[in-house]
């Protein structure tokens, strides 16, 4: 599948001088907001030598659930124009599981709508560069427009799994 090829082809890209480093105010959200029973937490800690936010938890499909996530708003929840960039770079370390990177724009009106791309979080620090062209619309007919970004999220979703992913950096790259 194309998503897997992108994840593996874009490993270990260096941070460039014209990248825009983000300072996320991460928040933890789980399917309990809609009746699910997944459990987890977001902690700030040093993971294998790097300061990071770490999402851990157990994803359960019981009670129509199925996700745990960390997410943050851009520009205080207002629209952020990322049209001068090619995509999102993440510095991640995980447990070998597949996770979702999700973007939301101000054109999305329902909480289940997003633009998403999958990636694998390896058990060593890795930089992934995920181009905006790799994001697929989910439950919307709206086209992705990077000039209208509002929120970025990382999710363990859709299947029973143990989530364990650390993120030490998020940025837009050119």
N, C-alpha and C. Protein backbone atom coordinates (compact mmCIF):
# COMPACT_ATOMS: atom_id res chain seq x y z
N UNK A 1 0.83 -1.17 0.00
CA UNK A 1 0.00 0.00 0.00
C UNK A 1 0.88 1.24 0.00
N UNK A 2 0.40 2.32 -0.56
CA UNK A 2 1.17 3.55 -0.70
C UNK A 2 1.61 4.11 0.64
N UNK A 3 0.76 4.04 1.67
CA UNK A 3 1.10 4.61 2.98
C UNK A 3 2.35 3.96 3.56
N UNK A 4 2.46 2.64 3.44
CA UNK A 4 3.62 1.94 3.97
C UNK A 4 4.87 2.37 3.22
N UNK A 5 4.78 2.49 1.91
CA UNK A 5 5.93 2.90 1.11
C UNK A 5 6.40 4.29 1.52
N UNK A 6 5.47 5.19 1.75
CA UNK A 6 5.82 6.54 2.16
C UNK A 6 6.53 6.52 3.50
N UNK A 7 5.99 5.77 4.45
CA UNK A 7 6.58 5.73 5.79
C UNK A 7 8.01 5.22 5.73
N UNK A 8 8.27 4.19 4.96
CA UNK A 8 9.61 3.64 4.92
C UNK A 8 10.55 4.45 4.03
N UNK A 9 10.05 5.07 2.99
CA UNK A 9 10.89 5.85 2.09
C UNK A 9 11.33 7.17 2.72
N UNK A 10 10.62 7.64 3.72
CA UNK A 10 10.89 8.95 4.28
C UNK A 10 11.55 8.90 5.65
N UNK A 11 12.16 7.80 5.98
CA UNK A 11 12.81 7.66 7.28
C UNK A 11 14.10 8.47 7.34
N UNK A 12 14.40 8.94 8.53
CA UNK A 12 15.70 9.53 8.84
C UNK A 12 16.05 10.75 8.01
N UNK A 13 15.08 11.59 7.69
CA UNK A 13 15.35 12.83 7.00
C UNK A 13 15.86 13.86 7.99
N UNK A 14 16.87 14.62 7.60
CA UNK A 14 17.42 15.60 8.54
C UNK A 14 16.50 16.80 8.72
N UNK A 15 16.66 17.49 9.86
CA UNK A 15 15.93 18.74 10.09
C UNK A 15 16.62 19.81 9.24
N UNK A 16 15.83 20.53 8.47
CA UNK A 16 16.37 21.56 7.59
C UNK A 16 16.17 22.93 8.22
N UNK A 17 16.99 23.88 7.84
CA UNK A 17 16.94 25.22 8.42
C UNK A 17 15.61 25.92 8.17
N UNK A 18 14.95 25.62 7.06
CA UNK A 18 13.68 26.31 6.77
C UNK A 18 12.46 25.53 7.24
N UNK A 19 12.65 24.46 8.03
CA UNK A 19 11.53 23.77 8.65
C UNK A 19 10.93 24.68 9.73
N UNK A 20 9.64 24.55 9.95
CA UNK A 20 8.97 25.31 11.01
C UNK A 20 8.70 24.38 12.18
N UNK A 21 9.52 24.49 13.22
CA UNK A 21 9.36 23.67 14.43
C UNK A 21 8.13 24.14 15.19
N UNK A 22 7.28 23.20 15.57
CA UNK A 22 6.07 23.51 16.31
C UNK A 22 6.30 23.26 17.80
N UNK A 23 5.56 23.96 18.63
CA UNK A 23 5.62 23.80 20.08
C UNK A 23 4.24 23.34 20.56
N UNK A 24 3.95 22.05 20.40
CA UNK A 24 2.60 21.56 20.71
C UNK A 24 2.24 21.65 22.19
N UNK A 25 0.99 21.99 22.43
CA UNK A 25 0.39 21.89 23.75
C UNK A 25 -0.49 20.64 23.69
N UNK A 26 0.14 19.48 23.82
CA UNK A 26 -0.53 18.20 23.63
C UNK A 26 -1.65 17.98 24.63
N UNK A 27 -2.71 17.36 24.18
CA UNK A 27 -3.78 16.91 25.07
C UNK A 27 -4.10 15.45 24.74
N UNK A 28 -4.52 14.74 25.75
CA UNK A 28 -4.90 13.34 25.60
C UNK A 28 -6.42 13.26 25.42
N UNK A 29 -6.85 12.43 24.47
CA UNK A 29 -8.27 12.18 24.23
C UNK A 29 -8.43 10.68 23.95
N UNK A 30 -9.50 10.10 24.49
CA UNK A 30 -9.79 8.68 24.22
C UNK A 30 -11.24 8.53 23.80
N UNK A 31 -11.58 7.32 23.37
CA UNK A 31 -12.94 7.05 22.91
C UNK A 31 -13.98 7.13 24.02
N UNK A 32 -13.53 7.32 25.26
CA UNK A 32 -14.48 7.45 26.37
C UNK A 32 -15.38 8.67 26.19
N UNK A 33 -14.95 9.64 25.37
CA UNK A 33 -15.79 10.82 25.11
C UNK A 33 -17.06 10.44 24.36
N UNK A 34 -17.08 9.23 23.79
CA UNK A 34 -18.26 8.78 23.06
C UNK A 34 -18.74 7.41 23.54
N UNK A 35 -18.36 7.03 24.75
CA UNK A 35 -18.85 5.79 25.34
C UNK A 35 -17.93 4.60 25.24
N UNK A 36 -16.78 4.74 24.59
CA UNK A 36 -15.83 3.64 24.49
C UNK A 36 -15.13 3.39 25.81
N UNK A 37 -14.33 2.32 25.85
CA UNK A 37 -13.67 1.95 27.10
C UNK A 37 -12.15 1.86 26.96
N UNK A 38 -11.58 2.41 25.90
CA UNK A 38 -10.12 2.43 25.78
C UNK A 38 -9.55 3.28 26.91
N UNK A 39 -8.33 2.95 27.31
CA UNK A 39 -7.72 3.69 28.41
C UNK A 39 -6.28 4.02 28.06
N UNK A 40 -5.80 5.10 28.62
CA UNK A 40 -4.42 5.49 28.36
C UNK A 40 -4.07 6.79 29.04
N UNK A 41 -2.94 7.34 28.60
CA UNK A 41 -2.48 8.60 29.17
C UNK A 41 -1.42 9.21 28.27
N UNK A 42 -1.23 10.49 28.44
CA UNK A 42 -0.11 11.19 27.81
C UNK A 42 0.77 11.71 28.94
N UNK A 43 2.05 11.43 28.85
CA UNK A 43 3.00 11.90 29.85
C UNK A 43 4.15 12.62 29.15
N UNK A 44 4.79 13.51 29.88
CA UNK A 44 5.96 14.19 29.36
C UNK A 44 7.15 13.63 30.12
N UNK A 45 8.08 13.04 29.36
CA UNK A 45 9.20 12.35 30.00
C UNK A 45 10.38 12.27 29.05
N UNK A 46 11.51 11.83 29.57
CA UNK A 46 12.68 11.57 28.74
C UNK A 46 12.60 10.11 28.30
N UNK A 47 12.59 9.91 26.98
CA UNK A 47 12.48 8.57 26.41
C UNK A 47 13.72 8.33 25.56
N UNK A 48 14.53 7.36 25.96
CA UNK A 48 15.78 7.04 25.26
C UNK A 48 16.57 8.30 24.91
N UNK A 49 16.73 9.16 25.92
CA UNK A 49 17.59 10.32 25.79
C UNK A 49 16.95 11.58 25.22
N UNK A 50 15.66 11.57 24.92
CA UNK A 50 15.00 12.76 24.37
C UNK A 50 13.77 13.13 25.17
N UNK A 51 13.58 14.43 25.36
CA UNK A 51 12.33 14.90 25.96
C UNK A 51 11.21 14.68 24.96
N UNK A 52 10.11 14.13 25.42
CA UNK A 52 9.03 13.76 24.51
C UNK A 52 7.69 13.70 25.23
N UNK A 53 6.63 13.74 24.43
CA UNK A 53 5.32 13.38 24.93
C UNK A 53 5.16 11.90 24.59
N UNK A 54 4.61 11.15 25.52
CA UNK A 54 4.47 9.71 25.31
C UNK A 54 3.01 9.31 25.50
N UNK A 55 2.45 8.70 24.47
CA UNK A 55 1.09 8.18 24.51
C UNK A 55 1.16 6.69 24.77
N UNK A 56 0.55 6.28 25.88
CA UNK A 56 0.47 4.86 26.19
C UNK A 56 -0.98 4.52 26.49
N UNK A 57 -1.34 3.28 26.25
CA UNK A 57 -2.70 2.88 26.57
C UNK A 57 -3.10 1.60 25.89
N UNK A 58 -4.32 1.20 26.19
CA UNK A 58 -4.89 -0.01 25.62
C UNK A 58 -6.11 0.39 24.81
N UNK A 59 -6.07 0.11 23.52
CA UNK A 59 -7.20 0.40 22.64
C UNK A 59 -8.13 -0.80 22.67
N UNK A 60 -9.40 -0.52 22.97
CA UNK A 60 -10.43 -1.54 23.02
C UNK A 60 -11.53 -1.21 22.02
N UNK A 61 -12.07 -2.23 21.38
CA UNK A 61 -13.17 -2.03 20.44
C UNK A 61 -14.53 -2.19 21.11
N UNK A 62 -14.52 -2.51 22.41
CA UNK A 62 -15.78 -2.70 23.14
C UNK A 62 -16.58 -1.40 23.18
N UNK A 63 -17.88 -1.54 23.19
CA UNK A 63 -18.80 -0.42 23.35
C UNK A 63 -18.64 0.62 22.23
N UNK A 64 -18.36 0.12 21.02
CA UNK A 64 -18.18 0.97 19.83
C UNK A 64 -17.01 1.95 19.96
N UNK A 65 -15.99 1.57 20.71
CA UNK A 65 -14.82 2.42 20.89
C UNK A 65 -13.73 2.05 19.91
N UNK A 66 -12.53 2.47 20.25
CA UNK A 66 -11.41 2.06 19.44
C UNK A 66 -10.31 3.07 19.21
N UNK A 67 -10.05 4.03 20.16
CA UNK A 67 -8.90 4.90 19.95
C UNK A 67 -8.43 5.55 21.25
N UNK A 68 -7.14 5.88 21.24
CA UNK A 68 -6.53 6.81 22.17
C UNK A 68 -5.69 7.74 21.31
N UNK A 69 -5.58 9.00 21.73
CA UNK A 69 -4.83 9.94 20.91
C UNK A 69 -4.19 11.05 21.72
N UNK A 70 -3.18 11.66 21.11
CA UNK A 70 -2.66 12.93 21.56
C UNK A 70 -2.86 13.90 20.39
N UNK A 71 -3.22 15.13 20.72
CA UNK A 71 -3.50 16.11 19.67
C UNK A 71 -3.23 17.51 20.20
N UNK A 72 -3.08 18.44 19.27
CA UNK A 72 -2.92 19.85 19.66
C UNK A 72 -3.48 20.74 18.58
N UNK A 73 -3.93 21.90 19.02
CA UNK A 73 -4.43 22.93 18.11
C UNK A 73 -3.27 23.78 17.62
N UNK A 74 -3.37 24.19 16.38
CA UNK A 74 -2.43 25.15 15.81
C UNK A 74 -2.99 26.55 16.01
N UNK A 75 -2.14 27.53 16.19
CA UNK A 75 -2.56 28.93 16.26
C UNK A 75 -3.69 29.14 17.27
N UNK A 76 -3.62 28.46 18.39
CA UNK A 76 -4.64 28.63 19.42
C UNK A 76 -6.03 28.22 18.98
N UNK A 77 -6.11 27.31 18.01
CA UNK A 77 -7.40 26.85 17.50
C UNK A 77 -7.89 27.64 16.30
N UNK A 78 -7.18 28.70 15.94
CA UNK A 78 -7.51 29.46 14.74
C UNK A 78 -6.90 28.77 13.52
N UNK A 79 -7.15 29.30 12.35
CA UNK A 79 -6.60 28.73 11.13
C UNK A 79 -5.11 29.04 11.03
N UNK A 80 -4.34 28.01 10.63
CA UNK A 80 -2.91 28.16 10.40
C UNK A 80 -2.63 27.88 8.94
N UNK A 81 -1.91 28.76 8.28
CA UNK A 81 -1.60 28.60 6.86
C UNK A 81 -0.27 27.88 6.69
N UNK A 82 -0.33 26.59 6.32
CA UNK A 82 0.88 25.79 6.09
C UNK A 82 1.09 25.56 4.60
N UNK A 83 0.48 26.39 3.76
CA UNK A 83 0.56 26.18 2.32
C UNK A 83 1.97 26.36 1.76
N UNK A 84 2.86 27.00 2.50
CA UNK A 84 4.24 27.16 2.05
C UNK A 84 5.12 25.96 2.38
N UNK A 85 4.52 24.91 2.92
CA UNK A 85 5.26 23.72 3.32
C UNK A 85 4.77 22.50 2.54
N UNK A 86 5.60 21.45 2.52
CA UNK A 86 5.27 20.24 1.77
C UNK A 86 4.59 19.18 2.62
N UNK A 87 4.78 19.24 3.95
CA UNK A 87 4.20 18.20 4.79
C UNK A 87 4.60 18.35 6.25
N UNK A 88 4.36 17.28 7.00
CA UNK A 88 4.61 17.24 8.44
C UNK A 88 5.76 16.27 8.71
N UNK A 89 6.71 16.70 9.52
CA UNK A 89 7.80 15.84 9.97
C UNK A 89 7.59 15.52 11.44
N UNK A 90 7.79 14.26 11.79
CA UNK A 90 7.64 13.79 13.17
C UNK A 90 8.90 13.06 13.60
N UNK A 91 9.36 13.32 14.81
CA UNK A 91 10.43 12.53 15.42
C UNK A 91 9.73 11.59 16.39
N UNK A 92 9.72 10.29 16.07
CA UNK A 92 8.93 9.33 16.85
C UNK A 92 9.75 8.11 17.24
N UNK A 93 9.31 7.49 18.32
CA UNK A 93 9.83 6.21 18.78
C UNK A 93 8.61 5.44 19.28
N UNK A 94 8.49 4.19 18.90
CA UNK A 94 7.31 3.45 19.31
C UNK A 94 7.57 1.98 19.54
N UNK A 95 6.51 1.23 19.42
CA UNK A 95 6.55 -0.20 19.69
C UNK A 95 6.33 -1.04 18.43
N UNK A 96 6.60 -0.47 17.26
CA UNK A 96 6.46 -1.21 16.01
C UNK A 96 5.04 -1.26 15.47
N UNK A 97 4.12 -0.58 16.13
CA UNK A 97 2.72 -0.57 15.71
C UNK A 97 2.47 0.52 14.67
N UNK A 98 1.32 0.39 14.00
CA UNK A 98 0.87 1.38 13.04
C UNK A 98 -0.01 2.40 13.75
N UNK A 99 0.26 3.67 13.49
CA UNK A 99 -0.49 4.78 14.06
C UNK A 99 -1.01 5.66 12.94
N UNK A 100 -1.93 6.54 13.26
CA UNK A 100 -2.46 7.52 12.32
C UNK A 100 -1.94 8.90 12.68
N UNK A 101 -1.56 9.65 11.65
CA UNK A 101 -1.35 11.08 11.79
C UNK A 101 -2.57 11.72 11.15
N UNK A 102 -3.26 12.58 11.89
CA UNK A 102 -4.49 13.19 11.40
C UNK A 102 -4.38 14.70 11.44
N UNK A 103 -4.88 15.28 10.38
CA UNK A 103 -4.95 16.73 10.27
C UNK A 103 -6.40 17.13 10.16
N UNK A 104 -6.72 18.27 10.77
CA UNK A 104 -8.07 18.84 10.65
C UNK A 104 -7.95 20.27 10.16
N UNK A 105 -8.90 20.65 9.32
CA UNK A 105 -8.98 22.02 8.84
C UNK A 105 -10.27 22.65 9.33
N UNK A 106 -10.42 23.94 9.11
CA UNK A 106 -11.65 24.61 9.52
C UNK A 106 -12.83 24.26 8.61
N UNK A 107 -12.58 23.54 7.52
CA UNK A 107 -13.66 23.11 6.63
C UNK A 107 -14.38 21.86 7.14
N UNK A 108 -13.80 21.19 8.13
CA UNK A 108 -14.41 19.98 8.70
C UNK A 108 -15.33 20.38 9.84
N UNK A 109 -16.56 19.87 9.80
CA UNK A 109 -17.56 20.28 10.78
C UNK A 109 -17.92 19.19 11.79
N UNK A 110 -17.53 17.96 11.55
CA UNK A 110 -17.86 16.84 12.43
C UNK A 110 -16.58 16.26 13.04
N UNK A 111 -16.64 15.80 14.30
CA UNK A 111 -15.43 15.30 14.95
C UNK A 111 -14.83 14.05 14.30
N UNK A 112 -15.61 13.29 13.55
CA UNK A 112 -15.09 12.07 12.93
C UNK A 112 -14.47 12.35 11.56
N UNK A 113 -14.52 13.57 11.07
CA UNK A 113 -13.91 13.92 9.80
C UNK A 113 -12.44 14.28 10.00
N UNK A 114 -11.61 13.89 9.04
CA UNK A 114 -10.18 14.23 9.14
C UNK A 114 -9.50 13.94 7.81
N UNK A 115 -8.24 14.30 7.77
CA UNK A 115 -7.34 13.90 6.69
C UNK A 115 -6.27 13.08 7.39
N UNK A 116 -6.04 11.84 6.89
CA UNK A 116 -5.21 10.92 7.65
C UNK A 116 -4.18 10.21 6.80
N UNK A 117 -3.11 9.83 7.48
CA UNK A 117 -2.04 9.04 6.88
C UNK A 117 -1.49 8.11 7.96
N UNK A 118 -1.26 6.86 7.60
CA UNK A 118 -0.71 5.88 8.55
C UNK A 118 0.82 5.91 8.53
N UNK A 119 1.40 5.52 9.66
CA UNK A 119 2.85 5.34 9.73
C UNK A 119 3.16 4.30 10.79
N UNK A 120 4.34 3.73 10.71
CA UNK A 120 4.81 2.76 11.70
C UNK A 120 5.81 3.46 12.60
N UNK A 121 5.62 3.32 13.91
CA UNK A 121 6.54 3.89 14.88
C UNK A 121 7.52 2.80 15.31
N UNK A 122 8.73 2.88 14.80
CA UNK A 122 9.76 1.88 15.09
C UNK A 122 10.28 2.02 16.51
N UNK A 123 11.03 1.03 16.97
CA UNK A 123 11.52 1.04 18.35
C UNK A 123 12.86 1.78 18.51
N UNK A 124 13.14 2.68 17.59
CA UNK A 124 14.28 3.58 17.71
C UNK A 124 13.83 4.95 17.20
N UNK A 125 14.49 6.01 17.66
CA UNK A 125 14.10 7.35 17.22
C UNK A 125 14.25 7.46 15.72
N UNK A 126 13.19 7.90 15.08
CA UNK A 126 13.13 8.00 13.62
C UNK A 126 12.42 9.29 13.25
N UNK A 127 12.91 9.95 12.22
CA UNK A 127 12.22 11.12 11.68
C UNK A 127 11.44 10.69 10.45
N UNK A 128 10.14 10.92 10.48
CA UNK A 128 9.27 10.63 9.36
C UNK A 128 8.86 11.95 8.72
N UNK A 129 8.89 12.02 7.41
CA UNK A 129 8.42 13.19 6.67
C UNK A 129 7.23 12.72 5.84
N UNK A 130 6.06 13.18 6.22
CA UNK A 130 4.82 12.73 5.57
C UNK A 130 4.28 13.91 4.76
N UNK A 131 4.31 13.79 3.43
CA UNK A 131 3.86 14.90 2.59
C UNK A 131 2.35 15.08 2.67
N UNK A 132 1.92 16.32 2.50
CA UNK A 132 0.49 16.60 2.50
C UNK A 132 -0.25 15.75 1.47
N UNK A 133 0.41 15.40 0.38
CA UNK A 133 -0.23 14.58 -0.67
C UNK A 133 -0.54 13.16 -0.20
N UNK A 134 0.04 12.74 0.93
CA UNK A 134 -0.20 11.39 1.45
C UNK A 134 -1.46 11.31 2.31
N UNK A 135 -2.07 12.45 2.62
CA UNK A 135 -3.25 12.45 3.50
C UNK A 135 -4.51 12.20 2.69
N UNK A 136 -5.33 11.29 3.20
CA UNK A 136 -6.59 10.93 2.56
C UNK A 136 -7.76 11.47 3.38
N UNK A 137 -8.74 11.99 2.67
CA UNK A 137 -9.95 12.49 3.33
C UNK A 137 -10.71 11.32 3.93
N UNK A 138 -11.23 11.51 5.14
CA UNK A 138 -12.02 10.48 5.82
C UNK A 138 -13.38 11.06 6.20
N UNK A 139 -14.42 10.45 5.65
CA UNK A 139 -15.81 10.80 5.93
C UNK A 139 -16.13 12.27 5.64
N UNK A 140 -15.51 12.76 4.54
CA UNK A 140 -15.79 14.11 4.06
C UNK A 140 -15.53 14.16 2.57
N UNK A 141 -16.23 15.04 1.89
CA UNK A 141 -15.98 15.30 0.47
C UNK A 141 -15.11 16.53 0.28
N UNK A 142 -14.75 17.17 1.37
CA UNK A 142 -13.92 18.38 1.33
C UNK A 142 -12.51 18.00 0.90
N UNK A 143 -11.90 18.81 0.06
CA UNK A 143 -10.50 18.61 -0.33
C UNK A 143 -9.58 19.18 0.73
N UNK A 144 -8.43 18.55 0.88
CA UNK A 144 -7.45 19.03 1.84
C UNK A 144 -6.84 20.34 1.37
N UNK A 145 -6.79 21.31 2.25
CA UNK A 145 -6.21 22.62 1.96
C UNK A 145 -5.27 22.98 3.11
N UNK A 146 -3.94 22.90 2.89
CA UNK A 146 -3.01 23.17 3.98
C UNK A 146 -3.03 24.62 4.48
N UNK A 147 -3.69 25.51 3.77
CA UNK A 147 -3.78 26.89 4.24
C UNK A 147 -4.87 27.05 5.29
N UNK A 148 -5.59 25.97 5.60
CA UNK A 148 -6.72 26.05 6.55
C UNK A 148 -6.56 25.09 7.73
N UNK A 149 -5.34 24.73 8.08
CA UNK A 149 -5.11 23.78 9.18
C UNK A 149 -5.50 24.34 10.53
N UNK A 150 -6.02 23.43 11.38
CA UNK A 150 -6.39 23.82 12.75
C UNK A 150 -5.83 22.89 13.81
N UNK A 151 -5.66 21.59 13.49
CA UNK A 151 -5.33 20.61 14.53
C UNK A 151 -4.52 19.47 13.94
N UNK A 152 -3.61 18.94 14.78
CA UNK A 152 -2.81 17.77 14.42
C UNK A 152 -2.98 16.74 15.53
N UNK A 153 -3.19 15.48 15.14
CA UNK A 153 -3.34 14.42 16.13
C UNK A 153 -2.58 13.15 15.73
N UNK A 154 -2.20 12.40 16.73
CA UNK A 154 -1.58 11.08 16.54
C UNK A 154 -2.43 10.10 17.30
N UNK A 155 -2.89 9.06 16.59
CA UNK A 155 -3.85 8.12 17.17
C UNK A 155 -3.40 6.67 17.05
N UNK A 156 -3.73 5.91 18.08
CA UNK A 156 -3.75 4.45 18.02
C UNK A 156 -5.23 4.14 17.86
N UNK A 157 -5.61 3.50 16.75
CA UNK A 157 -7.03 3.44 16.43
C UNK A 157 -7.38 2.21 15.59
N UNK A 158 -8.63 1.77 15.77
CA UNK A 158 -9.23 0.82 14.84
C UNK A 158 -9.05 -0.65 15.11
N UNK A 159 -8.20 -0.98 16.07
CA UNK A 159 -8.02 -2.39 16.41
C UNK A 159 -7.50 -2.47 17.85
N UNK A 160 -7.75 -3.60 18.49
CA UNK A 160 -7.25 -3.78 19.85
C UNK A 160 -5.73 -3.81 19.79
N UNK A 161 -5.13 -2.97 20.59
CA UNK A 161 -3.67 -2.88 20.58
C UNK A 161 -3.17 -2.17 21.83
N UNK A 162 -1.91 -2.38 22.11
CA UNK A 162 -1.21 -1.64 23.16
C UNK A 162 -0.52 -0.47 22.49
N UNK A 163 -0.90 0.73 22.84
CA UNK A 163 -0.28 1.93 22.29
C UNK A 163 0.93 2.31 23.13
N UNK A 164 2.01 2.65 22.46
CA UNK A 164 3.20 3.17 23.13
C UNK A 164 4.02 3.90 22.08
N UNK A 165 3.83 5.21 22.03
CA UNK A 165 4.54 6.03 21.04
C UNK A 165 4.99 7.32 21.72
N UNK A 166 6.23 7.71 21.44
CA UNK A 166 6.79 8.95 21.96
C UNK A 166 7.08 9.88 20.78
N UNK A 167 6.83 11.16 20.98
CA UNK A 167 7.06 12.17 19.95
C UNK A 167 7.93 13.26 20.56
N UNK A 168 9.12 13.46 19.97
CA UNK A 168 10.03 14.48 20.49
C UNK A 168 10.06 15.74 19.63
N UNK A 169 9.46 15.68 18.45
CA UNK A 169 9.45 16.86 17.61
C UNK A 169 8.37 16.77 16.54
N UNK A 170 7.77 17.91 16.23
CA UNK A 170 6.78 18.02 15.15
C UNK A 170 7.09 19.33 14.42
N UNK A 171 7.12 19.27 13.11
CA UNK A 171 7.39 20.47 12.33
C UNK A 171 6.81 20.35 10.94
N UNK A 172 6.66 21.49 10.30
CA UNK A 172 6.31 21.52 8.89
C UNK A 172 7.62 21.62 8.13
N UNK A 173 7.72 20.89 7.03
CA UNK A 173 8.94 20.94 6.22
C UNK A 173 8.62 21.41 4.81
N UNK A 174 9.62 21.95 4.15
CA UNK A 174 9.48 22.42 2.76
C UNK A 174 9.94 21.38 1.79
